[in-house]
N, C-alpha and C. Protein backbone atom coordinates (compact mmCIF):
# COMPACT_ATOMS: atom_id res chain seq x y z
N UNK A 1 -46.84 -9.69 25.24
CA UNK A 1 -46.91 -11.13 25.38
C UNK A 1 -48.28 -11.55 25.90
N UNK A 2 -48.61 -12.79 25.63
CA UNK A 2 -49.88 -13.35 26.04
C UNK A 2 -49.64 -14.79 26.52
N UNK A 3 -50.71 -15.49 26.83
CA UNK A 3 -50.60 -16.87 27.31
C UNK A 3 -51.72 -17.74 26.77
N UNK A 4 -51.41 -19.01 26.67
CA UNK A 4 -52.42 -20.04 26.50
C UNK A 4 -52.14 -21.06 27.59
N UNK A 5 -53.02 -22.01 27.77
CA UNK A 5 -52.89 -22.94 28.89
C UNK A 5 -53.04 -24.37 28.41
N UNK A 6 -52.28 -25.24 29.04
CA UNK A 6 -52.34 -26.66 28.74
C UNK A 6 -52.77 -27.38 30.01
N UNK A 7 -53.74 -28.27 29.88
CA UNK A 7 -54.13 -29.10 31.00
C UNK A 7 -53.66 -30.52 30.74
N UNK A 8 -53.04 -31.10 31.73
CA UNK A 8 -52.67 -32.51 31.71
C UNK A 8 -53.68 -33.21 32.60
N UNK A 9 -54.29 -34.27 32.11
CA UNK A 9 -55.39 -34.91 32.82
C UNK A 9 -55.07 -36.37 33.09
N UNK A 10 -55.39 -36.81 34.30
CA UNK A 10 -55.23 -38.20 34.71
C UNK A 10 -56.60 -38.71 35.11
N UNK A 11 -57.20 -39.51 34.26
CA UNK A 11 -58.50 -40.09 34.58
C UNK A 11 -58.35 -41.60 34.67
N UNK A 12 -59.12 -42.22 35.55
CA UNK A 12 -59.08 -43.68 35.64
C UNK A 12 -59.85 -44.31 34.48
N UNK A 13 -59.76 -45.60 34.35
CA UNK A 13 -60.50 -46.32 33.33
C UNK A 13 -59.61 -47.30 32.58
N UNK A 14 -60.24 -48.24 31.91
CA UNK A 14 -59.54 -49.29 31.19
C UNK A 14 -58.67 -48.74 30.07
N UNK A 15 -59.26 -47.94 29.18
CA UNK A 15 -58.53 -47.39 28.05
C UNK A 15 -57.38 -46.50 28.54
N UNK A 16 -57.67 -45.70 29.55
CA UNK A 16 -56.65 -44.82 30.12
C UNK A 16 -55.50 -45.61 30.71
N UNK A 17 -55.81 -46.74 31.35
CA UNK A 17 -54.74 -47.54 31.96
C UNK A 17 -53.81 -48.13 30.90
N UNK A 18 -54.36 -48.47 29.74
CA UNK A 18 -53.51 -48.97 28.65
C UNK A 18 -52.57 -47.88 28.17
N UNK A 19 -53.12 -46.69 27.93
CA UNK A 19 -52.29 -45.57 27.47
C UNK A 19 -51.24 -45.23 28.52
N UNK A 20 -51.63 -45.21 29.78
CA UNK A 20 -50.70 -44.90 30.87
C UNK A 20 -49.52 -45.87 30.88
N UNK A 21 -49.80 -47.16 30.66
CA UNK A 21 -48.72 -48.15 30.64
C UNK A 21 -47.79 -47.95 29.44
N UNK A 22 -48.37 -47.56 28.30
CA UNK A 22 -47.56 -47.38 27.09
C UNK A 22 -46.66 -46.15 27.21
N UNK A 23 -47.22 -45.02 27.63
CA UNK A 23 -46.39 -43.80 27.67
C UNK A 23 -45.68 -43.62 29.00
N UNK A 24 -45.99 -44.49 29.98
CA UNK A 24 -45.30 -44.48 31.28
C UNK A 24 -45.34 -43.10 31.94
N UNK A 25 -46.55 -42.58 32.04
CA UNK A 25 -46.75 -41.27 32.64
C UNK A 25 -48.13 -41.21 33.28
N UNK A 26 -48.23 -40.46 34.34
CA UNK A 26 -49.51 -40.32 35.04
C UNK A 26 -50.55 -39.61 34.17
N UNK A 27 -50.15 -38.49 33.57
CA UNK A 27 -51.09 -37.69 32.78
C UNK A 27 -51.13 -38.19 31.35
N UNK A 28 -52.30 -38.64 30.93
CA UNK A 28 -52.42 -39.28 29.62
C UNK A 28 -53.25 -38.49 28.63
N UNK A 29 -53.77 -37.35 29.04
CA UNK A 29 -54.60 -36.54 28.16
C UNK A 29 -54.15 -35.09 28.27
N UNK A 30 -54.15 -34.39 27.14
CA UNK A 30 -53.84 -32.96 27.15
C UNK A 30 -54.97 -32.20 26.48
N UNK A 31 -55.23 -31.01 27.01
CA UNK A 31 -56.24 -30.12 26.45
C UNK A 31 -55.64 -28.72 26.41
N UNK A 32 -56.16 -27.89 25.53
CA UNK A 32 -55.68 -26.51 25.43
C UNK A 32 -56.77 -25.57 25.92
N UNK A 33 -56.36 -24.58 26.70
CA UNK A 33 -57.31 -23.63 27.24
C UNK A 33 -56.92 -22.20 26.92
N UNK A 34 -57.93 -21.35 26.89
CA UNK A 34 -57.69 -19.94 26.63
C UNK A 34 -57.65 -19.12 27.91
N UNK A 35 -57.89 -19.78 29.04
CA UNK A 35 -57.83 -19.11 30.34
C UNK A 35 -57.27 -20.09 31.37
N UNK A 36 -56.77 -19.55 32.47
CA UNK A 36 -56.06 -20.39 33.44
C UNK A 36 -56.96 -21.33 34.23
N UNK A 37 -58.26 -21.08 34.28
CA UNK A 37 -59.16 -21.99 34.97
C UNK A 37 -59.74 -23.03 34.00
N UNK A 38 -59.31 -22.97 32.76
CA UNK A 38 -59.73 -23.91 31.72
C UNK A 38 -61.25 -23.90 31.52
N UNK A 39 -61.87 -22.72 31.68
CA UNK A 39 -63.30 -22.59 31.41
C UNK A 39 -63.57 -22.74 29.92
N UNK A 40 -62.66 -22.22 29.09
CA UNK A 40 -62.77 -22.42 27.65
C UNK A 40 -61.58 -23.27 27.23
N UNK A 41 -61.81 -24.56 27.17
CA UNK A 41 -60.75 -25.51 26.85
C UNK A 41 -61.25 -26.50 25.81
N UNK A 42 -60.34 -26.96 24.95
CA UNK A 42 -60.69 -27.86 23.86
C UNK A 42 -59.69 -29.00 23.77
N UNK A 43 -60.14 -30.10 23.18
CA UNK A 43 -59.24 -31.22 22.95
C UNK A 43 -59.87 -32.19 21.96
N UNK A 44 -59.07 -33.17 21.59
CA UNK A 44 -59.60 -34.34 20.92
C UNK A 44 -59.78 -35.35 22.06
N UNK A 45 -61.01 -35.61 22.41
CA UNK A 45 -61.29 -36.47 23.55
C UNK A 45 -62.69 -37.04 23.46
N UNK A 46 -63.11 -37.62 24.56
CA UNK A 46 -64.45 -38.24 24.62
C UNK A 46 -65.52 -37.17 24.45
N UNK A 47 -66.47 -37.45 23.58
CA UNK A 47 -67.61 -36.53 23.42
C UNK A 47 -68.48 -36.57 24.67
N UNK A 48 -68.53 -37.73 25.32
CA UNK A 48 -69.22 -37.90 26.58
C UNK A 48 -68.24 -38.63 27.50
N UNK A 49 -67.87 -38.05 28.64
CA UNK A 49 -66.87 -38.68 29.50
C UNK A 49 -67.19 -40.13 29.88
N UNK A 50 -68.46 -40.50 29.87
CA UNK A 50 -68.85 -41.85 30.28
C UNK A 50 -68.70 -42.88 29.17
N UNK A 51 -68.51 -42.42 27.92
CA UNK A 51 -68.47 -43.34 26.79
C UNK A 51 -67.16 -43.17 26.02
N UNK A 52 -66.21 -44.09 26.16
CA UNK A 52 -64.90 -43.92 25.52
C UNK A 52 -64.88 -44.16 24.01
N UNK A 53 -65.93 -44.70 23.44
CA UNK A 53 -65.89 -45.09 22.03
C UNK A 53 -66.21 -43.96 21.06
N UNK A 54 -66.80 -42.89 21.54
CA UNK A 54 -67.13 -41.77 20.68
C UNK A 54 -66.26 -40.59 21.08
N UNK A 55 -65.25 -40.34 20.28
CA UNK A 55 -64.31 -39.28 20.61
C UNK A 55 -64.02 -38.44 19.38
N UNK A 56 -63.78 -37.17 19.63
CA UNK A 56 -63.48 -36.22 18.57
C UNK A 56 -63.17 -34.87 19.17
N UNK A 57 -63.37 -33.83 18.39
CA UNK A 57 -63.08 -32.48 18.85
C UNK A 57 -64.17 -32.04 19.82
N UNK A 58 -63.78 -31.66 21.02
CA UNK A 58 -64.75 -31.29 22.05
C UNK A 58 -64.33 -30.03 22.78
N UNK A 59 -65.32 -29.34 23.30
CA UNK A 59 -65.09 -28.29 24.29
C UNK A 59 -65.16 -29.01 25.63
N UNK A 60 -64.07 -28.97 26.37
CA UNK A 60 -63.99 -29.70 27.63
C UNK A 60 -65.02 -29.18 28.62
N UNK A 61 -65.63 -30.08 29.34
CA UNK A 61 -66.59 -29.74 30.39
C UNK A 61 -66.08 -30.37 31.69
N UNK A 62 -65.41 -29.56 32.50
CA UNK A 62 -64.77 -30.06 33.72
C UNK A 62 -65.77 -30.70 34.67
N UNK A 63 -66.96 -30.14 34.76
CA UNK A 63 -67.96 -30.70 35.68
C UNK A 63 -68.42 -32.08 35.23
N UNK A 64 -68.59 -32.29 33.94
CA UNK A 64 -68.97 -33.62 33.44
C UNK A 64 -67.84 -34.62 33.68
N UNK A 65 -66.60 -34.17 33.47
CA UNK A 65 -65.45 -35.05 33.72
C UNK A 65 -65.40 -35.42 35.19
N UNK A 66 -65.58 -34.43 36.05
CA UNK A 66 -65.54 -34.65 37.48
C UNK A 66 -66.66 -35.60 37.94
N UNK A 67 -67.82 -35.46 37.34
CA UNK A 67 -68.94 -36.33 37.69
C UNK A 67 -68.63 -37.79 37.36
N UNK A 68 -68.02 -38.02 36.21
CA UNK A 68 -67.69 -39.38 35.80
C UNK A 68 -66.43 -39.90 36.50
N UNK A 69 -65.45 -39.01 36.71
CA UNK A 69 -64.17 -39.40 37.30
C UNK A 69 -63.88 -38.51 38.52
N UNK A 70 -64.50 -38.78 39.66
CA UNK A 70 -64.31 -37.91 40.83
C UNK A 70 -62.87 -37.87 41.36
N UNK A 71 -62.06 -38.86 40.98
CA UNK A 71 -60.66 -38.89 41.44
C UNK A 71 -59.69 -38.38 40.38
N UNK A 72 -60.18 -37.71 39.35
CA UNK A 72 -59.31 -37.24 38.27
C UNK A 72 -58.27 -36.27 38.79
N UNK A 73 -57.03 -36.46 38.31
CA UNK A 73 -55.95 -35.54 38.62
C UNK A 73 -55.81 -34.53 37.49
N UNK A 74 -55.36 -33.34 37.81
CA UNK A 74 -55.30 -32.27 36.82
C UNK A 74 -54.06 -31.42 37.07
N UNK A 75 -53.42 -31.05 36.00
CA UNK A 75 -52.29 -30.12 36.09
C UNK A 75 -52.48 -29.09 34.99
N UNK A 76 -52.41 -27.82 35.35
CA UNK A 76 -52.56 -26.74 34.38
C UNK A 76 -51.24 -25.98 34.31
N UNK A 77 -50.79 -25.74 33.07
CA UNK A 77 -49.55 -25.00 32.85
C UNK A 77 -49.79 -23.84 31.91
N UNK A 78 -49.07 -22.76 32.15
CA UNK A 78 -49.13 -21.56 31.32
C UNK A 78 -48.02 -21.65 30.28
N UNK A 79 -48.37 -21.33 29.03
CA UNK A 79 -47.40 -21.30 27.94
C UNK A 79 -47.40 -19.89 27.37
N UNK A 80 -46.24 -19.26 27.34
CA UNK A 80 -46.13 -17.91 26.79
C UNK A 80 -46.21 -17.93 25.27
N UNK A 81 -46.87 -16.92 24.74
CA UNK A 81 -46.97 -16.77 23.30
C UNK A 81 -47.21 -15.30 22.99
N UNK A 82 -47.16 -14.96 21.72
CA UNK A 82 -47.48 -13.59 21.33
C UNK A 82 -48.99 -13.44 21.25
N UNK A 83 -49.45 -12.21 21.23
CA UNK A 83 -50.89 -11.95 21.10
C UNK A 83 -51.40 -12.50 19.77
N UNK A 84 -50.58 -12.39 18.71
CA UNK A 84 -50.97 -12.91 17.40
C UNK A 84 -51.11 -14.44 17.42
N UNK A 85 -50.19 -15.12 18.10
CA UNK A 85 -50.26 -16.58 18.21
C UNK A 85 -51.50 -17.00 18.99
N UNK A 86 -51.80 -16.29 20.06
CA UNK A 86 -53.00 -16.60 20.85
C UNK A 86 -54.26 -16.39 20.01
N UNK A 87 -54.30 -15.32 19.26
CA UNK A 87 -55.47 -15.06 18.40
C UNK A 87 -55.61 -16.14 17.33
N UNK A 88 -54.48 -16.57 16.77
CA UNK A 88 -54.52 -17.64 15.77
C UNK A 88 -55.12 -18.91 16.39
N UNK A 89 -54.65 -19.26 17.58
CA UNK A 89 -55.16 -20.47 18.24
C UNK A 89 -56.64 -20.31 18.58
N UNK A 90 -57.01 -19.18 19.14
CA UNK A 90 -58.41 -18.94 19.49
C UNK A 90 -59.30 -19.05 18.25
N UNK A 91 -58.92 -18.40 17.18
CA UNK A 91 -59.73 -18.44 15.95
C UNK A 91 -59.80 -19.84 15.37
N UNK A 92 -58.68 -20.56 15.39
CA UNK A 92 -58.66 -21.94 14.89
C UNK A 92 -59.57 -22.83 15.71
N UNK A 93 -59.49 -22.71 17.03
CA UNK A 93 -60.33 -23.53 17.90
C UNK A 93 -61.82 -23.23 17.68
N UNK A 94 -62.15 -21.96 17.56
CA UNK A 94 -63.56 -21.60 17.34
C UNK A 94 -64.06 -22.10 15.99
N UNK A 95 -63.22 -21.99 14.97
CA UNK A 95 -63.60 -22.50 13.64
C UNK A 95 -63.77 -24.02 13.67
N UNK A 96 -62.85 -24.71 14.32
CA UNK A 96 -62.95 -26.16 14.43
C UNK A 96 -64.20 -26.58 15.20
N UNK A 97 -64.54 -25.80 16.22
CA UNK A 97 -65.71 -26.14 17.02
C UNK A 97 -66.99 -26.07 16.16
N UNK A 98 -67.03 -25.15 15.23
CA UNK A 98 -68.18 -25.05 14.34
C UNK A 98 -68.35 -26.33 13.50
N UNK A 99 -67.22 -26.98 13.21
CA UNK A 99 -67.21 -28.21 12.39
C UNK A 99 -66.73 -29.40 13.22
N UNK A 100 -67.02 -29.41 14.50
CA UNK A 100 -66.46 -30.38 15.44
C UNK A 100 -66.73 -31.84 15.11
N UNK A 101 -67.84 -32.13 14.44
CA UNK A 101 -68.15 -33.53 14.16
C UNK A 101 -67.38 -34.07 12.96
N UNK A 102 -66.56 -33.23 12.37
CA UNK A 102 -65.67 -33.65 11.28
C UNK A 102 -64.40 -34.30 11.85
N UNK A 103 -64.06 -33.98 13.09
CA UNK A 103 -62.81 -34.41 13.70
C UNK A 103 -63.04 -35.59 14.64
N UNK A 104 -62.11 -36.55 14.58
CA UNK A 104 -62.26 -37.79 15.34
C UNK A 104 -60.94 -38.20 16.00
N UNK A 105 -61.05 -39.08 16.98
CA UNK A 105 -59.87 -39.67 17.62
C UNK A 105 -59.36 -40.81 16.74
N UNK A 106 -58.05 -40.86 16.53
CA UNK A 106 -57.48 -41.91 15.68
C UNK A 106 -57.13 -43.15 16.49
N UNK A 107 -57.89 -44.19 16.28
CA UNK A 107 -57.58 -45.49 16.89
C UNK A 107 -56.50 -46.18 16.06
N UNK A 108 -56.62 -46.07 14.74
CA UNK A 108 -55.66 -46.73 13.85
C UNK A 108 -54.25 -46.20 14.01
N UNK A 109 -54.11 -44.95 14.45
CA UNK A 109 -52.79 -44.37 14.62
C UNK A 109 -52.07 -44.80 15.88
N UNK A 110 -52.77 -45.36 16.85
CA UNK A 110 -52.14 -45.70 18.13
C UNK A 110 -50.97 -46.68 18.00
N UNK A 111 -51.11 -47.77 17.21
CA UNK A 111 -49.94 -48.65 17.06
C UNK A 111 -48.77 -47.95 16.37
N UNK A 112 -49.07 -47.03 15.46
CA UNK A 112 -48.01 -46.30 14.77
C UNK A 112 -47.26 -45.39 15.75
N UNK A 113 -48.00 -44.79 16.67
CA UNK A 113 -47.36 -43.96 17.69
C UNK A 113 -46.45 -44.83 18.56
N UNK A 114 -46.94 -45.99 18.93
CA UNK A 114 -46.17 -46.91 19.75
C UNK A 114 -44.83 -47.24 19.10
N UNK A 115 -44.84 -47.42 17.76
CA UNK A 115 -43.62 -47.76 17.04
C UNK A 115 -42.94 -46.54 16.42
N UNK A 116 -43.41 -45.34 16.80
CA UNK A 116 -42.81 -44.09 16.34
C UNK A 116 -42.77 -43.98 14.81
N UNK A 117 -43.85 -44.36 14.16
CA UNK A 117 -43.99 -44.29 12.70
C UNK A 117 -44.93 -43.14 12.36
N UNK A 118 -44.41 -42.02 11.83
CA UNK A 118 -45.28 -40.89 11.48
C UNK A 118 -46.36 -41.30 10.48
N UNK A 119 -47.51 -40.67 10.59
CA UNK A 119 -48.63 -40.98 9.71
C UNK A 119 -49.50 -39.75 9.54
N UNK A 120 -50.31 -39.75 8.51
CA UNK A 120 -51.30 -38.69 8.28
C UNK A 120 -52.64 -39.36 8.08
N UNK A 121 -53.63 -38.90 8.79
CA UNK A 121 -54.99 -39.39 8.66
C UNK A 121 -55.89 -38.17 8.80
N UNK A 122 -56.37 -37.65 7.67
CA UNK A 122 -57.11 -36.40 7.65
C UNK A 122 -58.30 -36.45 8.62
N UNK A 123 -58.39 -35.43 9.44
CA UNK A 123 -59.46 -35.25 10.43
C UNK A 123 -59.40 -36.23 11.60
N UNK A 124 -58.36 -37.03 11.70
CA UNK A 124 -58.21 -37.98 12.81
C UNK A 124 -56.92 -37.64 13.57
N UNK A 125 -57.03 -37.50 14.88
CA UNK A 125 -55.89 -37.11 15.72
C UNK A 125 -55.99 -37.79 17.08
N UNK A 126 -54.89 -37.75 17.81
CA UNK A 126 -54.92 -38.01 19.24
C UNK A 126 -54.97 -36.64 19.90
N UNK A 127 -55.20 -36.60 21.19
CA UNK A 127 -55.23 -35.31 21.88
C UNK A 127 -53.91 -34.57 21.70
N UNK A 128 -52.81 -35.31 21.82
CA UNK A 128 -51.50 -34.68 21.76
C UNK A 128 -51.06 -34.36 20.33
N UNK A 129 -51.41 -35.19 19.37
CA UNK A 129 -51.01 -34.87 17.98
C UNK A 129 -51.77 -33.64 17.49
N UNK A 130 -53.02 -33.49 17.91
CA UNK A 130 -53.80 -32.31 17.56
C UNK A 130 -53.14 -31.05 18.12
N UNK A 131 -52.82 -31.07 19.42
CA UNK A 131 -52.18 -29.91 20.04
C UNK A 131 -50.80 -29.64 19.47
N UNK A 132 -50.05 -30.70 19.20
CA UNK A 132 -48.71 -30.52 18.64
C UNK A 132 -48.77 -29.80 17.29
N UNK A 133 -49.71 -30.21 16.46
CA UNK A 133 -49.87 -29.57 15.14
C UNK A 133 -50.32 -28.12 15.29
N UNK A 134 -51.24 -27.87 16.21
CA UNK A 134 -51.72 -26.51 16.46
C UNK A 134 -50.58 -25.61 16.94
N UNK A 135 -49.74 -26.12 17.83
CA UNK A 135 -48.60 -25.34 18.33
C UNK A 135 -47.61 -25.04 17.20
N UNK A 136 -47.35 -26.01 16.34
CA UNK A 136 -46.44 -25.77 15.21
C UNK A 136 -47.04 -24.77 14.24
N UNK A 137 -48.31 -24.96 13.90
CA UNK A 137 -48.97 -24.04 12.95
C UNK A 137 -48.99 -22.61 13.47
N UNK A 138 -49.13 -22.45 14.79
CA UNK A 138 -49.15 -21.12 15.40
C UNK A 138 -47.74 -20.55 15.58
N UNK A 139 -46.72 -21.39 15.43
CA UNK A 139 -45.34 -20.94 15.62
C UNK A 139 -44.93 -20.85 17.08
N UNK A 140 -45.62 -21.56 17.95
CA UNK A 140 -45.30 -21.52 19.39
C UNK A 140 -44.21 -22.51 19.74
N UNK A 141 -44.23 -23.68 19.15
CA UNK A 141 -43.27 -24.73 19.51
C UNK A 141 -42.98 -25.61 18.32
N UNK A 142 -41.75 -25.98 18.16
CA UNK A 142 -41.31 -26.89 17.09
C UNK A 142 -40.89 -28.19 17.76
N UNK A 143 -41.53 -29.29 17.38
CA UNK A 143 -41.25 -30.59 17.98
C UNK A 143 -40.05 -31.25 17.33
N UNK A 144 -39.41 -32.15 18.05
CA UNK A 144 -38.24 -32.87 17.54
C UNK A 144 -38.64 -34.05 16.67
N UNK A 145 -39.96 -34.31 16.58
CA UNK A 145 -40.46 -35.41 15.76
C UNK A 145 -41.76 -34.98 15.10
N UNK A 146 -42.25 -35.82 14.22
CA UNK A 146 -43.49 -35.52 13.50
C UNK A 146 -44.63 -35.36 14.50
N UNK A 147 -45.51 -34.39 14.25
CA UNK A 147 -46.59 -34.12 15.20
C UNK A 147 -47.53 -35.31 15.40
N UNK A 148 -47.64 -36.20 14.43
CA UNK A 148 -48.55 -37.34 14.56
C UNK A 148 -48.12 -38.33 15.64
N UNK A 149 -46.86 -38.28 16.04
CA UNK A 149 -46.38 -39.22 17.06
C UNK A 149 -46.00 -38.54 18.38
N UNK A 150 -46.39 -37.27 18.52
CA UNK A 150 -46.18 -36.57 19.78
C UNK A 150 -47.19 -37.13 20.79
N UNK A 151 -46.73 -37.36 22.01
CA UNK A 151 -47.59 -37.89 23.08
C UNK A 151 -47.70 -36.86 24.21
N UNK A 152 -48.62 -37.07 25.16
CA UNK A 152 -48.67 -36.18 26.32
C UNK A 152 -47.33 -36.10 27.05
N UNK A 153 -46.58 -37.17 27.01
CA UNK A 153 -45.25 -37.18 27.64
C UNK A 153 -44.33 -36.11 27.01
N UNK A 154 -44.41 -35.96 25.70
CA UNK A 154 -43.59 -34.94 25.02
C UNK A 154 -43.97 -33.54 25.48
N UNK A 155 -45.26 -33.28 25.64
CA UNK A 155 -45.70 -31.98 26.16
C UNK A 155 -45.16 -31.79 27.57
N UNK A 156 -45.22 -32.84 28.34
CA UNK A 156 -44.80 -32.78 29.74
C UNK A 156 -43.29 -32.53 29.86
N UNK A 157 -42.50 -33.19 29.01
CA UNK A 157 -41.05 -33.13 29.14
C UNK A 157 -40.38 -32.04 28.30
N UNK A 158 -40.92 -31.72 27.13
CA UNK A 158 -40.23 -30.82 26.21
C UNK A 158 -40.73 -29.38 26.21
N UNK A 159 -42.01 -29.20 26.34
CA UNK A 159 -42.62 -27.89 26.16
C UNK A 159 -42.21 -26.94 27.28
N UNK A 160 -41.81 -25.72 26.91
CA UNK A 160 -41.51 -24.69 27.91
C UNK A 160 -42.82 -24.18 28.47
N UNK A 161 -42.99 -24.33 29.78
CA UNK A 161 -44.26 -24.00 30.42
C UNK A 161 -44.03 -23.70 31.88
N UNK A 162 -45.04 -23.10 32.50
CA UNK A 162 -45.00 -22.79 33.93
C UNK A 162 -46.22 -23.43 34.58
N UNK A 163 -45.99 -24.28 35.56
CA UNK A 163 -47.09 -24.93 36.27
C UNK A 163 -47.81 -23.91 37.14
N UNK A 164 -49.16 -23.87 37.02
CA UNK A 164 -49.92 -22.95 37.86
C UNK A 164 -50.93 -23.67 38.75
N UNK A 165 -51.19 -24.94 38.48
CA UNK A 165 -52.09 -25.71 39.32
C UNK A 165 -51.78 -27.19 39.14
N UNK A 166 -51.80 -27.92 40.26
CA UNK A 166 -51.77 -29.37 40.20
C UNK A 166 -52.53 -29.89 41.41
N UNK A 167 -53.44 -30.83 41.13
CA UNK A 167 -54.21 -31.41 42.21
C UNK A 167 -55.45 -32.09 41.68
N UNK A 168 -56.34 -32.46 42.58
CA UNK A 168 -57.59 -33.09 42.15
C UNK A 168 -58.41 -32.09 41.33
N UNK A 169 -59.10 -32.59 40.34
CA UNK A 169 -59.91 -31.73 39.47
C UNK A 169 -60.95 -30.96 40.26
N UNK A 170 -61.50 -31.56 41.32
CA UNK A 170 -62.53 -30.85 42.08
C UNK A 170 -62.01 -29.55 42.67
N UNK A 171 -60.70 -29.45 42.96
CA UNK A 171 -60.14 -28.21 43.49
C UNK A 171 -60.13 -27.11 42.43
N UNK A 172 -60.04 -27.48 41.17
CA UNK A 172 -60.09 -26.48 40.10
C UNK A 172 -61.54 -26.10 39.80
N UNK A 173 -62.43 -27.08 39.86
CA UNK A 173 -63.85 -26.83 39.56
C UNK A 173 -64.52 -26.05 40.69
N UNK A 174 -64.22 -26.42 41.93
CA UNK A 174 -64.87 -25.79 43.09
C UNK A 174 -63.81 -25.23 44.04
N UNK A 175 -63.08 -24.19 43.65
CA UNK A 175 -61.99 -23.70 44.50
C UNK A 175 -62.45 -23.18 45.86
N UNK A 176 -63.60 -22.55 45.95
CA UNK A 176 -64.07 -22.03 47.25
C UNK A 176 -64.44 -23.18 48.18
N UNK A 177 -65.05 -24.21 47.66
CA UNK A 177 -65.40 -25.38 48.48
C UNK A 177 -64.15 -26.03 49.04
N UNK A 178 -63.07 -26.02 48.24
CA UNK A 178 -61.81 -26.61 48.68
C UNK A 178 -61.24 -25.83 49.86
N UNK A 179 -61.31 -24.51 49.80
CA UNK A 179 -60.81 -23.67 50.89
C UNK A 179 -61.60 -23.96 52.16
N UNK A 180 -62.94 -24.02 52.07
CA UNK A 180 -63.76 -24.29 53.24
C UNK A 180 -63.49 -25.67 53.80
N UNK A 181 -63.29 -26.64 52.92
CA UNK A 181 -63.03 -28.00 53.39
C UNK A 181 -61.71 -28.05 54.14
N UNK A 182 -60.69 -27.34 53.64
CA UNK A 182 -59.39 -27.33 54.31
C UNK A 182 -59.49 -26.66 55.69
N UNK A 183 -60.26 -25.61 55.79
CA UNK A 183 -60.46 -24.93 57.07
C UNK A 183 -61.18 -25.87 58.03
N UNK A 184 -62.19 -26.55 57.54
CA UNK A 184 -62.99 -27.48 58.35
C UNK A 184 -62.13 -28.64 58.85
N UNK A 185 -61.21 -29.13 58.02
CA UNK A 185 -60.39 -30.28 58.40
C UNK A 185 -59.36 -29.93 59.45
N UNK A 186 -59.03 -28.67 59.63
CA UNK A 186 -57.98 -28.29 60.59
C UNK A 186 -58.42 -28.38 62.01
């Protein structure tokens, strides 16, 4: 057996607050990682954390996210899979990264998700629809609805996973500094 990792992210901001109100959940973004510290993690998200209008397939950069959103909340969960499933996901992510500017965030799909109307838009995804499709293609998880309308809430509520970290993003980025700060505060 092997593992992959899912990060649930809570970042402040106008666009995020709209999504948060619609899905009624704290964590509004999901990313997939190949390691538990999310050093190698990917998603359909902002190409630059400071600019919400340019989004697509990205390799997550926790330090850039932390710089823009110092109060970001983060939850990392372990998902069991076979070694073959993990290799499939790793290879798919690496191949997509080579062609990353082909993939975009779907703005047009958001109202369809709200009304639970499945849709297909080639090369356009939300963070959760991208991961949902990847999980189905790898044979890790079968969703109860079309992958285009899967939300972070569905990952949070349906996916079999084990929580391994929850807290401020800075504790994941700088774990040793967090330990020293806690000792200092006592």
